[in-house]
């Protein structure tokens, strides 16, 4: 079974659609269909059935899926083992991050890493956490930086192929329009305020909903839903409502006086920034250099009162 066929098979299994799978693997739809047919002929079994929900795996397809993932991971490890014989830790790294984390945390650190490792070509990919984790699992990205997803939106079995480490514990900031210069606000007043937040299902929205629930406020009274933290800050600055967001994303706006920061009256809220990568017996030299350097260069940032859950030391 050629790895190319297995990669196409997994793309179809994930998207349940030939057109979307073709876009993911950069092939024509006819080529995707031909590859699936070739794999079915080689195995002597049908791998998909059609339904109203799209393509679904047959029992044979379900049996193949974990082995296909293992075989592709083994191919990656074989390439890594060969690369590791090189004296230099050269190569390329594809790093995925939320835009907020990339700008506020990664940008200055990666600049220093690039100086120390000029032979490593770095590609920084910006996307939502769900998309980043999907691409990490597919091998399109080497390492991801995102906020830890709360259990209520991180449904499904934990991917045991992935390792993670807490890199920072970021406080959430309650922001208000610039004319609201109070330093404190009580829960009753806050319950009557309108808020700007991201849409349901987003990791940022889950932070807001959880903070409100733990403060006994129920659901936030929404004035608007916005697609980014920058948009939320802009709407708050314009007077649309309050916001509860990671402070690192709005620190500059607070310093410039564009929004006012108030004390959150409920339990202290924070969110972990985590680094996630695929477990391998042999890491590519470039990725190994990154993981090693992160222990020294990306110091754990912890707001007062927060107690991070420490992950295991950087493994394979």
Protein backbone atom coordinates (compact mmCIF):
# COMPACT_ATOMS: atom_id res chain seq x y z
CA UNK A 1 0.00 0.00 0.00
CA UNK A 2 1.61 3.20 -1.18
CA UNK A 3 1.62 6.03 1.43
CA UNK A 4 0.04 8.34 -1.16
CA UNK A 5 -3.01 6.08 -1.37
CA UNK A 6 -3.28 5.88 2.41
CA UNK A 7 -3.08 9.66 2.76
CA UNK A 8 -5.89 10.07 0.23
CA UNK A 9 -7.94 7.37 1.98
CA UNK A 10 -7.63 9.19 5.32
CA UNK A 11 -8.59 12.52 3.74
CA UNK A 12 -11.78 10.97 2.34
CA UNK A 13 -12.49 9.23 5.66
CA UNK A 14 -12.15 12.53 7.51
CA UNK A 15 -14.09 14.80 5.12
CA UNK A 16 -16.58 12.14 3.96
CA UNK A 17 -16.52 13.92 0.61
CA UNK A 18 -14.35 13.43 -2.48
CA UNK A 19 -14.38 17.13 -3.42
CA UNK A 20 -13.18 18.31 0.00
CA UNK A 21 -10.64 15.50 0.19
CA UNK A 22 -9.28 16.49 -3.24
CA UNK A 23 -8.69 20.04 -2.00
CA UNK A 24 -6.85 18.76 1.07
CA UNK A 25 -4.46 16.51 -0.84
CA UNK A 26 -4.14 18.84 -3.85
CA UNK A 27 -5.49 16.37 -6.39
CA UNK A 28 -8.26 16.37 -8.97
CA UNK A 29 -11.48 14.69 -7.85
CA UNK A 30 -11.00 12.02 -10.50
CA UNK A 31 -7.53 11.26 -9.12
CA UNK A 32 -8.94 10.85 -5.61
CA UNK A 33 -11.59 8.45 -6.90
CA UNK A 34 -8.97 6.51 -8.89
CA UNK A 35 -6.71 6.19 -5.83
CA UNK A 36 -9.53 4.95 -3.61
CA UNK A 37 -10.51 2.45 -6.29
CA UNK A 38 -6.90 1.28 -6.62
CA UNK A 39 -6.66 0.79 -2.85
CA UNK A 40 -9.95 -1.14 -2.76
CA UNK A 41 -8.73 -3.34 -5.64
CA UNK A 42 -5.44 -4.02 -3.85
CA UNK A 43 -7.23 -4.94 -0.61
CA UNK A 44 -10.13 -6.74 -2.25
CA UNK A 45 -12.71 -4.88 -0.18
CA UNK A 46 -14.95 -1.83 -0.40
CA UNK A 47 -13.82 0.95 1.95
CA UNK A 48 -16.72 3.43 1.65
CA UNK A 49 -20.47 3.45 1.22
CA UNK A 50 -22.60 6.41 0.17
CA UNK A 51 -25.35 7.84 2.36
CA UNK A 52 -27.22 11.11 2.74
CA UNK A 53 -24.52 12.25 5.16
CA UNK A 54 -21.79 11.59 2.59
CA UNK A 55 -19.24 8.81 2.34
CA UNK A 56 -19.04 6.54 5.37
CA UNK A 57 -16.47 3.89 6.17
CA UNK A 58 -17.40 0.24 5.74
CA UNK A 59 -16.23 -2.25 8.39
CA UNK A 60 -13.20 -2.85 6.18
CA UNK A 61 -12.54 0.89 6.02
CA UNK A 62 -12.86 1.21 9.80
CA UNK A 63 -10.37 -1.65 10.21
CA UNK A 64 -7.90 -0.01 7.81
CA UNK A 65 -8.03 3.50 9.29
CA UNK A 66 -5.84 3.07 12.43
CA UNK A 67 -3.31 1.01 10.48
CA UNK A 68 -3.16 3.65 7.74
CA UNK A 69 -2.44 6.28 10.39
CA UNK A 70 0.28 4.09 11.93
CA UNK A 71 1.90 3.36 8.56
CA UNK A 72 2.07 7.04 7.62
CA UNK A 73 3.51 7.87 11.05
CA UNK A 74 6.11 5.12 10.58
CA UNK A 75 7.06 6.58 7.18
CA UNK A 76 7.57 9.97 8.85
CA UNK A 77 9.74 8.35 11.52
CA UNK A 78 11.82 6.59 8.86
CA UNK A 79 12.52 9.92 7.16
CA UNK A 80 13.32 11.47 10.54
CA UNK A 81 15.77 8.68 11.35
CA UNK A 82 17.60 9.28 8.06
CA UNK A 83 17.61 13.04 8.65
CA UNK A 84 19.01 12.47 12.14
CA UNK A 85 22.19 11.02 10.65
CA UNK A 86 23.03 14.47 9.29
CA UNK A 87 25.52 16.44 11.38
CA UNK A 88 23.42 19.62 11.10
CA UNK A 89 19.95 20.13 12.45
CA UNK A 90 18.76 21.72 9.21
CA UNK A 91 15.47 21.21 7.46
CA UNK A 92 12.10 22.91 7.74
CA UNK A 93 9.50 23.43 10.44
CA UNK A 94 5.82 24.11 10.01
CA UNK A 95 4.47 25.81 13.13
CA UNK A 96 0.76 26.41 13.63
CA UNK A 97 -0.66 28.97 16.04
CA UNK A 98 -3.69 31.06 16.85
CA UNK A 99 -3.17 34.60 15.58
CA UNK A 100 -3.27 36.00 19.13
CA UNK A 101 -0.52 33.68 20.37
CA UNK A 102 1.59 34.09 17.23
CA UNK A 103 1.68 37.87 17.53
CA UNK A 104 2.02 38.25 21.29
CA UNK A 105 4.16 35.26 22.26
CA UNK A 106 5.74 33.46 19.33
CA UNK A 107 6.93 36.28 17.07
CA UNK A 108 9.78 37.59 19.27
CA UNK A 109 10.81 34.13 20.41
CA UNK A 110 10.89 32.67 16.89
CA UNK A 111 13.05 35.58 15.74
CA UNK A 112 15.68 34.60 18.32
CA UNK A 113 15.37 30.91 17.41
CA UNK A 114 15.91 31.77 13.75
CA UNK A 115 19.17 33.56 14.63
CA UNK A 116 20.43 30.52 16.56
CA UNK A 117 19.32 28.06 13.86
CA UNK A 118 19.78 29.79 10.49
CA UNK A 119 19.65 26.48 8.60
CA UNK A 120 16.05 25.78 9.62
CA UNK A 121 13.32 27.09 7.34
CA UNK A 122 10.33 28.16 9.46
CA UNK A 123 6.78 28.38 8.14
CA UNK A 124 4.17 29.88 10.48
CA UNK A 125 0.58 28.87 9.82
CA UNK A 126 -2.28 30.88 11.34
CA UNK A 127 -5.69 29.24 11.81
CA UNK A 128 -8.32 28.29 14.37
CA UNK A 129 -7.51 25.65 16.95
CA UNK A 130 -9.70 22.97 15.35
CA UNK A 131 -8.07 23.40 11.95
CA UNK A 132 -4.58 23.47 13.48
CA UNK A 133 -5.12 20.23 15.39
CA UNK A 134 -6.53 18.53 12.31
CA UNK A 135 -3.50 19.51 10.25
CA UNK A 136 -1.19 18.42 13.05
CA UNK A 137 -2.81 14.99 13.15
CA UNK A 138 -2.47 14.73 9.37
CA UNK A 139 1.23 15.57 9.49
CA UNK A 140 0.85 18.89 7.68
CA UNK A 141 2.10 20.84 10.73
CA UNK A 142 4.92 19.85 13.08
CA UNK A 143 3.86 21.66 16.24
CA UNK A 144 0.87 23.75 17.32
CA UNK A 145 0.46 26.54 19.87
CA UNK A 146 -3.10 27.18 21.01
CA UNK A 147 -5.22 27.69 24.10
CA UNK A 148 -6.15 24.49 25.88
CA UNK A 149 -9.60 23.49 24.76
CA UNK A 150 -12.14 23.13 27.58
CA UNK A 151 -13.63 19.62 27.95
CA UNK A 152 -17.06 20.85 26.89
CA UNK A 153 -15.82 21.58 23.34
CA UNK A 154 -12.97 19.06 23.21
CA UNK A 155 -15.28 16.13 22.63
CA UNK A 156 -14.10 12.73 21.52
CA UNK A 157 -11.29 10.47 22.58
CA UNK A 158 -7.94 12.11 23.25
CA UNK A 159 -5.53 11.52 20.38
CA UNK A 160 -2.80 9.39 21.96
CA UNK A 161 -0.49 10.19 19.07
CA UNK A 162 -0.15 13.73 20.39
CA UNK A 163 1.97 15.06 23.25
CA UNK A 164 1.35 18.41 24.90
CA UNK A 165 3.01 20.79 27.32
CA UNK A 166 1.69 23.88 29.10
CA UNK A 167 3.82 26.82 27.98
CA UNK A 168 2.03 29.72 29.68
CA UNK A 169 -0.95 30.45 31.89
CA UNK A 170 -2.67 33.55 30.56
CA UNK A 171 -5.13 35.63 32.60
CA UNK A 172 -8.41 36.72 31.08
CA UNK A 173 -9.16 40.45 31.03
CA UNK A 174 -12.57 42.06 31.50
CA UNK A 175 -12.58 45.01 29.11
CA UNK A 176 -15.06 47.86 28.84
CA UNK A 177 -15.50 50.98 26.67
CA UNK A 178 -12.83 53.61 27.45
CA UNK A 179 -15.27 55.90 29.25
CA UNK A 180 -15.94 53.24 31.87
CA UNK A 181 -13.00 53.89 34.19
CA UNK A 182 -14.20 51.98 37.24
CA UNK A 183 -11.74 49.44 38.56
CA UNK A 184 -14.39 47.22 40.12
CA UNK A 185 -17.82 45.98 39.11
CA UNK A 186 -20.07 43.62 41.06
CA UNK A 187 -21.75 40.49 39.71
CA UNK A 188 -25.25 42.03 39.69
CA UNK A 189 -24.07 44.95 37.55
CA UNK A 190 -22.11 42.63 35.26
CA UNK A 191 -25.15 40.42 34.68
CA UNK A 192 -27.00 43.41 33.20
CA UNK A 193 -24.19 44.39 30.83
CA UNK A 194 -24.06 43.36 27.20
CA UNK A 195 -21.02 41.45 25.98
CA UNK A 196 -19.21 40.94 22.69
CA UNK A 197 -17.88 37.40 22.23
CA UNK A 198 -16.89 34.89 19.58
CA UNK A 199 -19.41 32.35 18.34
CA UNK A 200 -20.38 29.19 20.20
CA UNK A 201 -17.87 26.38 19.65
CA UNK A 202 -14.85 28.69 19.61
CA UNK A 203 -12.28 28.20 22.36
CA UNK A 204 -12.56 31.90 23.34
CA UNK A 205 -16.35 31.64 23.68
CA UNK A 206 -15.97 28.56 25.87
CA UNK A 207 -13.73 30.62 28.19
CA UNK A 208 -16.44 33.28 28.51
CA UNK A 209 -19.28 30.82 29.05
CA UNK A 210 -17.30 28.92 31.70
CA UNK A 211 -16.31 32.12 33.54
CA UNK A 212 -19.95 33.25 33.63
CA UNK A 213 -21.16 29.85 34.79
CA UNK A 214 -18.59 29.67 37.59
CA UNK A 215 -19.55 33.18 38.73
CA UNK A 216 -23.21 32.14 38.87
CA UNK A 217 -24.23 34.56 36.10
CA UNK A 218 -25.78 32.10 33.65
CA UNK A 219 -25.26 32.88 29.97
CA UNK A 220 -23.75 36.24 28.93
CA UNK A 221 -26.11 38.84 27.51
CA UNK A 222 -24.69 39.18 23.99
CA UNK A 223 -24.65 42.40 22.03
CA UNK A 224 -22.76 40.82 19.14
CA UNK A 225 -20.62 37.87 18.08
CA UNK A 226 -17.31 38.63 16.41
CA UNK A 227 -14.85 36.47 14.52
CA UNK A 228 -11.64 37.59 16.20
CA UNK A 229 -10.24 39.12 19.38
CA UNK A 230 -9.25 42.25 17.46
CA UNK A 231 -12.85 42.67 16.31
CA UNK A 232 -14.09 42.19 19.89
CA UNK A 233 -11.66 44.84 21.16
CA UNK A 234 -12.78 47.22 18.41
CA UNK A 235 -16.46 46.74 19.21
CA UNK A 236 -15.83 47.21 22.93
CA UNK A 237 -13.83 50.37 22.20
CA UNK A 238 -16.77 51.67 20.16
CA UNK A 239 -19.15 51.12 23.07
CA UNK A 240 -20.93 47.97 21.89
CA UNK A 241 -20.48 46.19 25.20
CA UNK A 242 -17.99 44.48 27.48
CA UNK A 243 -15.59 41.66 26.62
CA UNK A 244 -13.76 38.87 28.43
CA UNK A 245 -10.67 37.85 26.49
CA UNK A 246 -7.08 36.65 27.02
CA UNK A 247 -5.20 39.68 28.30
CA UNK A 248 -2.22 39.16 26.00
CA UNK A 249 -4.52 39.85 23.05
CA UNK A 250 -5.65 43.27 24.31
CA UNK A 251 -2.70 44.44 26.42
CA UNK A 252 -1.68 47.01 23.80
CA UNK A 253 -5.25 48.35 23.51
CA UNK A 254 -5.43 48.67 27.30
CA UNK A 255 -2.08 50.51 27.42
CA UNK A 256 -3.23 52.91 24.68
CA UNK A 257 -6.47 53.63 26.55
CA UNK A 258 -8.65 52.27 23.74
CA UNK A 259 -10.44 50.01 26.21
CA UNK A 260 -10.65 50.04 30.01
CA UNK A 261 -9.71 47.01 32.10
CA UNK A 262 -11.98 46.17 35.03
CA UNK A 263 -11.54 43.62 37.80
CA UNK A 264 -13.47 40.40 37.14
CA UNK A 265 -15.69 39.89 40.22
CA UNK A 266 -15.92 36.10 39.95
CA UNK A 267 -13.28 33.40 40.48
CA UNK A 268 -9.90 34.23 38.94
CA UNK A 269 -9.95 33.09 35.35
CA UNK A 270 -7.03 32.08 33.16
CA UNK A 271 -6.32 29.81 30.23
CA UNK A 272 -3.34 27.61 29.42
CA UNK A 273 -1.32 28.11 26.27
CA UNK A 274 -0.27 24.63 25.21
CA UNK A 275 2.27 23.33 22.73
CA UNK A 276 1.14 20.14 20.99
CA UNK A 277 3.21 17.86 18.76
CA UNK A 278 3.12 14.31 17.45
CA UNK A 279 4.86 11.59 19.43
CA UNK A 280 7.61 9.87 17.45
CA UNK A 281 10.35 7.44 18.27
CA UNK A 282 12.73 9.66 16.30
CA UNK A 283 12.03 13.37 15.94
CA UNK A 284 13.32 15.21 12.85
CA UNK A 285 16.42 17.26 13.79
CA UNK A 286 14.68 20.58 13.15
CA UNK A 287 11.74 19.70 15.38
CA UNK A 288 14.02 18.26 18.05
CA UNK A 289 15.97 21.54 18.08
CA UNK A 290 12.73 23.49 18.47
CA UNK A 291 11.43 21.35 21.33
CA UNK A 292 14.77 21.54 23.12
CA UNK A 293 15.05 25.31 22.70
CA UNK A 294 11.51 25.85 23.96
CA UNK A 295 12.42 24.49 27.38
CA UNK A 296 14.99 27.26 27.72
CA UNK A 297 13.51 30.09 25.69
CA UNK A 298 9.74 29.99 26.24
CA UNK A 299 9.62 30.53 30.00
CA UNK A 300 6.38 29.57 31.70
CA UNK A 301 4.32 32.71 32.30
CA UNK A 302 1.92 32.44 35.21
CA UNK A 303 -0.45 35.16 36.45
CA UNK A 304 -0.84 35.63 40.19
CA UNK A 305 -2.99 33.01 41.83
CA UNK A 306 -2.96 30.61 38.88
CA UNK A 307 -1.70 27.08 39.28
CA UNK A 308 -0.75 25.48 35.96
CA UNK A 309 -1.06 21.76 35.40
CA UNK A 310 2.46 20.75 34.53
CA UNK A 311 2.88 18.33 31.67
CA UNK A 312 5.63 15.80 31.38
CA UNK A 313 9.04 16.99 30.24
CA UNK A 314 9.57 17.21 26.51
CA UNK A 315 9.53 13.65 25.15
CA UNK A 316 10.00 11.99 21.81
